[in-house]
Amino acid sequence: MSRPAMMVIACLLTALNVLVLAISISQPSRAVTSSYQSLIDDPDFARAVKTIAEQCRVNVDLGKLQC
């Protein structure tokens, strides 16, 4: 494949990516919780948070996770 053809394909793919980001195809979350306490008491939620937090570094001074 020639270099100009590859450049055209790369530009078209870039334009497609920009278009998809602009349209934002992903749907927003529709999670329903009754309260903050219900999340704390939910073992699945606690396990998910622990799994994510284990993969990150915690900056205690700033109160932030860096993944």
PDB file of N, CA and C in Angstrom:
ATOM      1  N   MET A   1       0.854  -1.174   0.000  1.00  0.00           N
ATOM      2  CA  MET A   1       0.000   0.000   0.000  1.00  0.00           C
ATOM      3  C   MET A   1       0.898   1.234   0.000  1.00  0.00           C
ATOM      4  N   SER A   2       0.565   2.208  -0.819  1.00  0.00           N
ATOM      5  CA  SER A   2       1.405   3.388  -0.953  1.00  0.00           C
ATOM      6  C   SER A   2       1.256   4.320   0.258  1.00  0.00           C
ATOM      7  N   ARG A   3       2.254   5.137   0.454  1.00  0.00           N
ATOM      8  CA  ARG A   3       2.281   6.057   1.583  1.00  0.00           C
ATOM      9  C   ARG A   3       1.105   7.041   1.567  1.00  0.00           C
ATOM     10  N   PRO A   4       0.738   7.651   0.420  1.00  0.00           N
ATOM     11  CA  PRO A   4      -0.415   8.565   0.413  1.00  0.00           C
ATOM     12  C   PRO A   4      -1.719   7.854   0.784  1.00  0.00           C
ATOM     13  N   ALA A   5      -1.868   6.621   0.343  1.00  0.00           N
ATOM     14  CA  ALA A   5      -3.087   5.876   0.677  1.00  0.00           C
ATOM     15  C   ALA A   5      -3.153   5.608   2.174  1.00  0.00           C
ATOM     16  N   MET A   6      -2.027   5.277   2.780  1.00  0.00           N
ATOM     17  CA  MET A   6      -1.988   5.046   4.229  1.00  0.00           C
ATOM     18  C   MET A   6      -2.316   6.321   4.996  1.00  0.00           C
ATOM     19  N   MET A   7      -1.852   7.453   4.499  1.00  0.00           N
ATOM     20  CA  MET A   7      -2.136   8.736   5.156  1.00  0.00           C
ATOM     21  C   MET A   7      -3.626   9.064   5.072  1.00  0.00           C
ATOM     22  N   VAL A   8      -4.243   8.771   3.941  1.00  0.00           N
ATOM     23  CA  VAL A   8      -5.673   9.014   3.773  1.00  0.00           C
ATOM     24  C   VAL A   8      -6.467   8.138   4.727  1.00  0.00           C
ATOM     25  N   ILE A   9      -6.101   6.872   4.824  1.00  0.00           N
ATOM     26  CA  ILE A   9      -6.791   5.958   5.737  1.00  0.00           C
ATOM     27  C   ILE A   9      -6.618   6.415   7.183  1.00  0.00           C
ATOM     28  N   ALA A  10      -5.408   6.823   7.552  1.00  0.00           N
ATOM     29  CA  ALA A  10      -5.161   7.300   8.912  1.00  0.00           C
ATOM     30  C   ALA A  10      -5.996   8.542   9.217  1.00  0.00           C
ATOM     31  N   CYS A  11      -6.099   9.455   8.272  1.00  0.00           N
ATOM     32  CA  CYS A  11      -6.910  10.662   8.480  1.00  0.00           C
ATOM     33  C   CYS A  11      -8.386  10.327   8.613  1.00  0.00           C
ATOM     34  N   LEU A  12      -8.862   9.391   7.797  1.00  0.00           N
ATOM     35  CA  LEU A  12     -10.270   8.986   7.885  1.00  0.00           C
ATOM     36  C   LEU A  12     -10.575   8.312   9.214  1.00  0.00           C
ATOM     37  N   LEU A  13      -9.679   7.453   9.680  1.00  0.00           N
ATOM     38  CA  LEU A  13      -9.882   6.809  10.972  1.00  0.00           C
ATOM     39  C   LEU A  13      -9.851   7.822  12.115  1.00  0.00           C
ATOM     40  N   THR A  14      -8.970   8.800  12.029  1.00  0.00           N
ATOM     41  CA  THR A  14      -8.917   9.846  13.040  1.00  0.00           C
ATOM     42  C   THR A  14     -10.213  10.648  13.056  1.00  0.00           C
ATOM     43  N   ALA A  15     -10.712  10.997  11.879  1.00  0.00           N
ATOM     44  CA  ALA A  15     -11.972  11.734  11.792  1.00  0.00           C
ATOM     45  C   ALA A  15     -13.126  10.908  12.359  1.00  0.00           C
ATOM     46  N   LEU A  16     -13.129   9.614  12.097  1.00  0.00           N
ATOM     47  CA  LEU A  16     -14.163   8.734  12.642  1.00  0.00           C
ATOM     48  C   LEU A  16     -14.088   8.683  14.166  1.00  0.00           C
ATOM     49  N   ASN A  17     -12.891   8.589  14.714  1.00  0.00           N
ATOM     50  CA  ASN A  17     -12.723   8.592  16.171  1.00  0.00           C
ATOM     51  C   ASN A  17     -13.228   9.895  16.787  1.00  0.00           C
ATOM     52  N   VAL A  18     -12.910  11.014  16.175  1.00  0.00           N
ATOM     53  CA  VAL A  18     -13.375  12.308  16.684  1.00  0.00           C
ATOM     54  C   VAL A  18     -14.894  12.381  16.635  1.00  0.00           C
ATOM     55  N   LEU A  19     -15.475  11.891  15.568  1.00  0.00           N
ATOM     56  CA  LEU A  19     -16.929  11.895  15.429  1.00  0.00           C
ATOM     57  C   LEU A  19     -17.589  11.038  16.505  1.00  0.00           C
ATOM     58  N   VAL A  20     -17.052   9.857  16.743  1.00  0.00           N
ATOM     59  CA  VAL A  20     -17.619   8.975  17.770  1.00  0.00           C
ATOM     60  C   VAL A  20     -17.502   9.623  19.144  1.00  0.00           C
ATOM     61  N   LEU A  21     -16.385  10.250  19.447  1.00  0.00           N
ATOM     62  CA  LEU A  21     -16.238  10.934  20.730  1.00  0.00           C
ATOM     63  C   LEU A  21     -17.211  12.098  20.849  1.00  0.00           C
ATOM     64  N   ALA A  22     -17.439  12.811  19.770  1.00  0.00           N
ATOM     65  CA  ALA A  22     -18.357  13.956  19.802  1.00  0.00           C
ATOM     66  C   ALA A  22     -19.794  13.508  20.016  1.00  0.00           C
ATOM     67  N   ILE A  23     -20.157  12.402  19.402  1.00  0.00           N
ATOM     68  CA  ILE A  23     -21.524  11.888  19.542  1.00  0.00           C
ATOM     69  C   ILE A  23     -21.718  11.237  20.899  1.00  0.00           C
ATOM     70  N   SER A  24     -20.647  10.699  21.443  1.00  0.00           N
ATOM     71  CA  SER A  24     -20.678  10.018  22.741  1.00  0.00           C
ATOM     72  C   SER A  24     -21.703   8.893  22.719  1.00  0.00           C
ATOM     73  N   ILE A  25     -21.334   7.841  22.035  1.00  0.00           N
ATOM     74  CA  ILE A  25     -22.214   6.697  21.852  1.00  0.00           C
ATOM     75  C   ILE A  25     -22.532   5.993  23.164  1.00  0.00           C
ATOM     76  N   SER A  26     -21.623   6.034  24.113  1.00  0.00           N
ATOM     77  CA  SER A  26     -21.859   5.310  25.365  1.00  0.00           C
ATOM     78  C   SER A  26     -23.030   5.912  26.131  1.00  0.00           C
ATOM     79  N   GLN A  27     -23.767   5.042  26.777  1.00  0.00           N
ATOM     80  CA  GLN A  27     -24.938   5.454  27.535  1.00  0.00           C
ATOM     81  C   GLN A  27     -24.541   5.771  28.979  1.00  0.00           C
ATOM     82  N   PRO A  28     -25.152   6.763  29.580  1.00  0.00           N
ATOM     83  CA  PRO A  28     -24.836   7.081  30.983  1.00  0.00           C
ATOM     84  C   PRO A  28     -25.356   5.988  31.911  1.00  0.00           C
ATOM     85  N   SER A  29     -24.742   5.904  33.053  1.00  0.00           N
ATOM     86  CA  SER A  29     -25.159   4.915  34.046  1.00  0.00           C
ATOM     87  C   SER A  29     -26.515   5.309  34.623  1.00  0.00           C
ATOM     88  N   ARG A  30     -27.325   4.317  34.876  1.00  0.00           N
ATOM     89  CA  ARG A  30     -28.647   4.552  35.449  1.00  0.00           C
ATOM     90  C   ARG A  30     -28.787   3.811  36.782  1.00  0.00           C
ATOM     91  N   ALA A  31     -27.688   3.749  37.535  1.00  0.00           N
ATOM     92  CA  ALA A  31     -27.717   3.029  38.807  1.00  0.00           C
ATOM     93  C   ALA A  31     -28.649   3.743  39.783  1.00  0.00           C
ATOM     94  N   VAL A  32     -29.435   2.949  40.488  1.00  0.00           N
ATOM     95  CA  VAL A  32     -30.370   3.499  41.464  1.00  0.00           C
ATOM     96  C   VAL A  32     -29.979   2.969  42.835  1.00  0.00           C
ATOM     97  N   THR A  33     -29.710   3.869  43.727  1.00  0.00           N
ATOM     98  CA  THR A  33     -29.426   3.487  45.103  1.00  0.00           C
ATOM     99  C   THR A  33     -30.316   4.310  46.010  1.00  0.00           C
ATOM    100  N   SER A  34     -30.683   3.704  47.118  1.00  0.00           N
ATOM    101  CA  SER A  34     -31.558   4.422  48.033  1.00  0.00           C
ATOM    102  C   SER A  34     -30.767   5.393  48.896  1.00  0.00           C
ATOM    103  N   SER A  35     -29.513   5.039  49.207  1.00  0.00           N
ATOM    104  CA  SER A  35     -28.710   5.926  50.047  1.00  0.00           C
ATOM    105  C   SER A  35     -27.247   5.532  49.967  1.00  0.00           C
ATOM    106  N   TYR A  36     -26.423   6.383  50.523  1.00  0.00           N
ATOM    107  CA  TYR A  36     -24.992   6.099  50.620  1.00  0.00           C
ATOM    108  C   TYR A  36     -24.773   4.872  51.496  1.00  0.00           C
ATOM    109  N   GLN A  37     -25.551   4.748  52.542  1.00  0.00           N
ATOM    110  CA  GLN A  37     -25.414   3.624  53.454  1.00  0.00           C
ATOM    111  C   GLN A  37     -25.679   2.298  52.748  1.00  0.00           C
ATOM    112  N   SER A  38     -26.617   2.287  51.792  1.00  0.00           N
ATOM    113  CA  SER A  38     -26.895   1.048  51.069  1.00  0.00           C
ATOM    114  C   SER A  38     -25.690   0.611  50.236  1.00  0.00           C
ATOM    115  N   LEU A  39     -24.907   1.581  49.720  1.00  0.00           N
ATOM    116  CA  LEU A  39     -23.689   1.229  48.995  1.00  0.00           C
ATOM    117  C   LEU A  39     -22.642   0.649  49.931  1.00  0.00           C
ATOM    118  N   ILE A  40     -22.504   1.239  51.100  1.00  0.00           N
ATOM    119  CA  ILE A  40     -21.518   0.749  52.069  1.00  0.00           C
ATOM    120  C   ILE A  40     -21.851  -0.674  52.500  1.00  0.00           C
ATOM    121  N   ASP A  41     -23.120  -0.975  52.665  1.00  0.00           N
ATOM    122  CA  ASP A  41     -23.549  -2.291  53.118  1.00  0.00           C
ATOM    123  C   ASP A  41     -23.567  -3.340  52.003  1.00  0.00           C
ATOM    124  N   ASP A  42     -23.431  -2.927  50.757  1.00  0.00           N
ATOM    125  CA  ASP A  42     -23.485  -3.856  49.620  1.00  0.00           C
ATOM    126  C   ASP A  42     -22.123  -4.535  49.447  1.00  0.00           C
ATOM    127  N   PRO A  43     -22.046  -5.848  49.657  1.00  0.00           N
ATOM    128  CA  PRO A  43     -20.741  -6.533  49.554  1.00  0.00           C
ATOM    129  C   PRO A  43     -20.163  -6.520  48.134  1.00  0.00           C
ATOM    130  N   ASP A  44     -21.004  -6.538  47.113  1.00  0.00           N
ATOM    131  CA  ASP A  44     -20.506  -6.482  45.735  1.00  0.00           C
ATOM    132  C   ASP A  44     -19.842  -5.144  45.446  1.00  0.00           C
ATOM    133  N   PHE A  45     -20.458  -4.057  45.933  1.00  0.00           N
ATOM    134  CA  PHE A  45     -19.887  -2.729  45.731  1.00  0.00           C
ATOM    135  C   PHE A  45     -18.557  -2.618  46.473  1.00  0.00           C
ATOM    136  N   ALA A  46     -18.522  -3.102  47.714  1.00  0.00           N
ATOM    137  CA  ALA A  46     -17.289  -3.037  48.507  1.00  0.00           C
ATOM    138  C   ALA A  46     -16.171  -3.828  47.828  1.00  0.00           C
ATOM    139  N   ARG A  47     -16.490  -5.001  47.284  1.00  0.00           N
ATOM    140  CA  ARG A  47     -15.492  -5.817  46.605  1.00  0.00           C
ATOM    141  C   ARG A  47     -14.979  -5.111  45.344  1.00  0.00           C
ATOM    142  N   ALA A  48     -15.877  -4.463  44.612  1.00  0.00           N
ATOM    143  CA  ALA A  48     -15.471  -3.748  43.397  1.00  0.00           C
ATOM    144  C   ALA A  48     -14.546  -2.582  43.726  1.00  0.00           C
ATOM    145  N   VAL A  49     -14.881  -1.845  44.769  1.00  0.00           N
ATOM    146  CA  VAL A  49     -14.036  -0.704  45.168  1.00  0.00           C
ATOM    147  C   VAL A  49     -12.667  -1.195  45.619  1.00  0.00           C
ATOM    148  N   LYS A  50     -12.621  -2.258  46.383  1.00  0.00           N
ATOM    149  CA  LYS A  50     -11.341  -2.802  46.853  1.00  0.00           C
ATOM    150  C   LYS A  50     -10.491  -3.272  45.680  1.00  0.00           C
ATOM    151  N   THR A  51     -11.100  -3.907  44.696  1.00  0.00           N
ATOM    152  CA  THR A  51     -10.366  -4.387  43.525  1.00  0.00           C
ATOM    153  C   THR A  51      -9.743  -3.223  42.766  1.00  0.00           C
ATOM    154  N   ILE A  52     -10.495  -2.161  42.588  1.00  0.00           N
ATOM    155  CA  ILE A  52      -9.971  -0.983  41.883  1.00  0.00           C
ATOM    156  C   ILE A  52      -8.878  -0.307  42.700  1.00  0.00           C
ATOM    157  N   ALA A  53      -9.115  -0.158  44.001  1.00  0.00           N
ATOM    158  CA  ALA A  53      -8.151   0.530  44.861  1.00  0.00           C
ATOM    159  C   ALA A  53      -6.842  -0.239  44.963  1.00  0.00           C
ATOM    160  N   GLU A  54      -6.879  -1.557  44.884  1.00  0.00           N
ATOM    161  CA  GLU A  54      -5.651  -2.351  44.960  1.00  0.00           C
ATOM    162  C   GLU A  54      -4.753  -2.121  43.760  1.00  0.00           C
ATOM    163  N   GLN A  55      -5.317  -1.702  42.649  1.00  0.00           N
ATOM    164  CA  GLN A  55      -4.543  -1.484  41.438  1.00  0.00           C
ATOM    165  C   GLN A  55      -4.007  -0.056  41.351  1.00  0.00           C
ATOM    166  N   CYS A  56      -4.273   0.751  42.354  1.00  0.00           N
ATOM    167  CA  CYS A  56      -3.897   2.159  42.318  1.00  0.00           C
ATOM    168  C   CYS A  56      -2.975   2.505  43.479  1.00  0.00           C
ATOM    169  N   ARG A  57      -2.377   3.681  43.378  1.00  0.00           N
ATOM    170  CA  ARG A  57      -1.602   4.230  44.481  1.00  0.00           C
ATOM    171  C   ARG A  57      -2.440   5.302  45.149  1.00  0.00           C
ATOM    172  N   VAL A  58      -2.391   5.359  46.466  1.00  0.00           N
ATOM    173  CA  VAL A  58      -3.191   6.309  47.217  1.00  0.00           C
ATOM    174  C   VAL A  58      -2.298   7.424  47.709  1.00  0.00           C
ATOM    175  N   ASN A  59      -2.680   8.669  47.412  1.00  0.00           N
ATOM    176  CA  ASN A  59      -2.006   9.837  47.964  1.00  0.00           C
ATOM    177  C   ASN A  59      -2.858  10.316  49.128  1.00  0.00           C
ATOM    178  N   VAL A  60      -2.461   9.958  50.344  1.00  0.00           N
ATOM    179  CA  VAL A  60      -3.259  10.254  51.529  1.00  0.00           C
ATOM    180  C   VAL A  60      -3.355  11.754  51.761  1.00  0.00           C
ATOM    181  N   ASP A  61      -2.290  12.494  51.481  1.00  0.00           N
ATOM    182  CA  ASP A  61      -2.291  13.941  51.720  1.00  0.00           C
ATOM    183  C   ASP A  61      -3.328  14.656  50.867  1.00  0.00           C
ATOM    184  N   LEU A  62      -3.476  14.225  49.624  1.00  0.00           N
ATOM    185  CA  LEU A  62      -4.434  14.857  48.713  1.00  0.00           C
ATOM    186  C   LEU A  62      -5.768  14.129  48.679  1.00  0.00           C
ATOM    187  N   GLY A  63      -5.808  12.916  49.228  1.00  0.00           N
ATOM    188  CA  GLY A  63      -7.033  12.133  49.205  1.00  0.00           C
ATOM    189  C   GLY A  63      -7.406  11.701  47.798  1.00  0.00           C
ATOM    190  N   LYS A  64      -6.416  11.270  47.010  1.00  0.00           N
ATOM    191  CA  LYS A  64      -6.670  10.883  45.620  1.00  0.00           C
ATOM    192  C   LYS A  64      -6.041   9.536  45.318  1.00  0.00           C
ATOM    193  N   LEU A  65      -6.661   8.830  44.373  1.00  0.00           N
ATOM    194  CA  LEU A  65      -6.114   7.599  43.844  1.00  0.00           C
ATOM    195  C   LEU A  65      -5.446   7.901  42.509  1.00  0.00           C
ATOM    196  N   GLN A  66      -4.276   7.310  42.293  1.00  0.00           N
ATOM    197  CA  GLN A  66      -3.620   7.453  41.002  1.00  0.00           C
ATOM    198  C   GLN A  66      -3.463   6.068  40.408  1.00  0.00           C
ATOM    199  N   CYS A  67      -4.148   5.839  39.305  1.00  0.00           N
ATOM    200  CA  CYS A  67      -4.127   4.502  38.691  1.00  0.00           C
ATOM    201  C   CYS A  67      -3.253   4.485  37.460  1.00  0.00           C
TER     202      CYS A  67
END
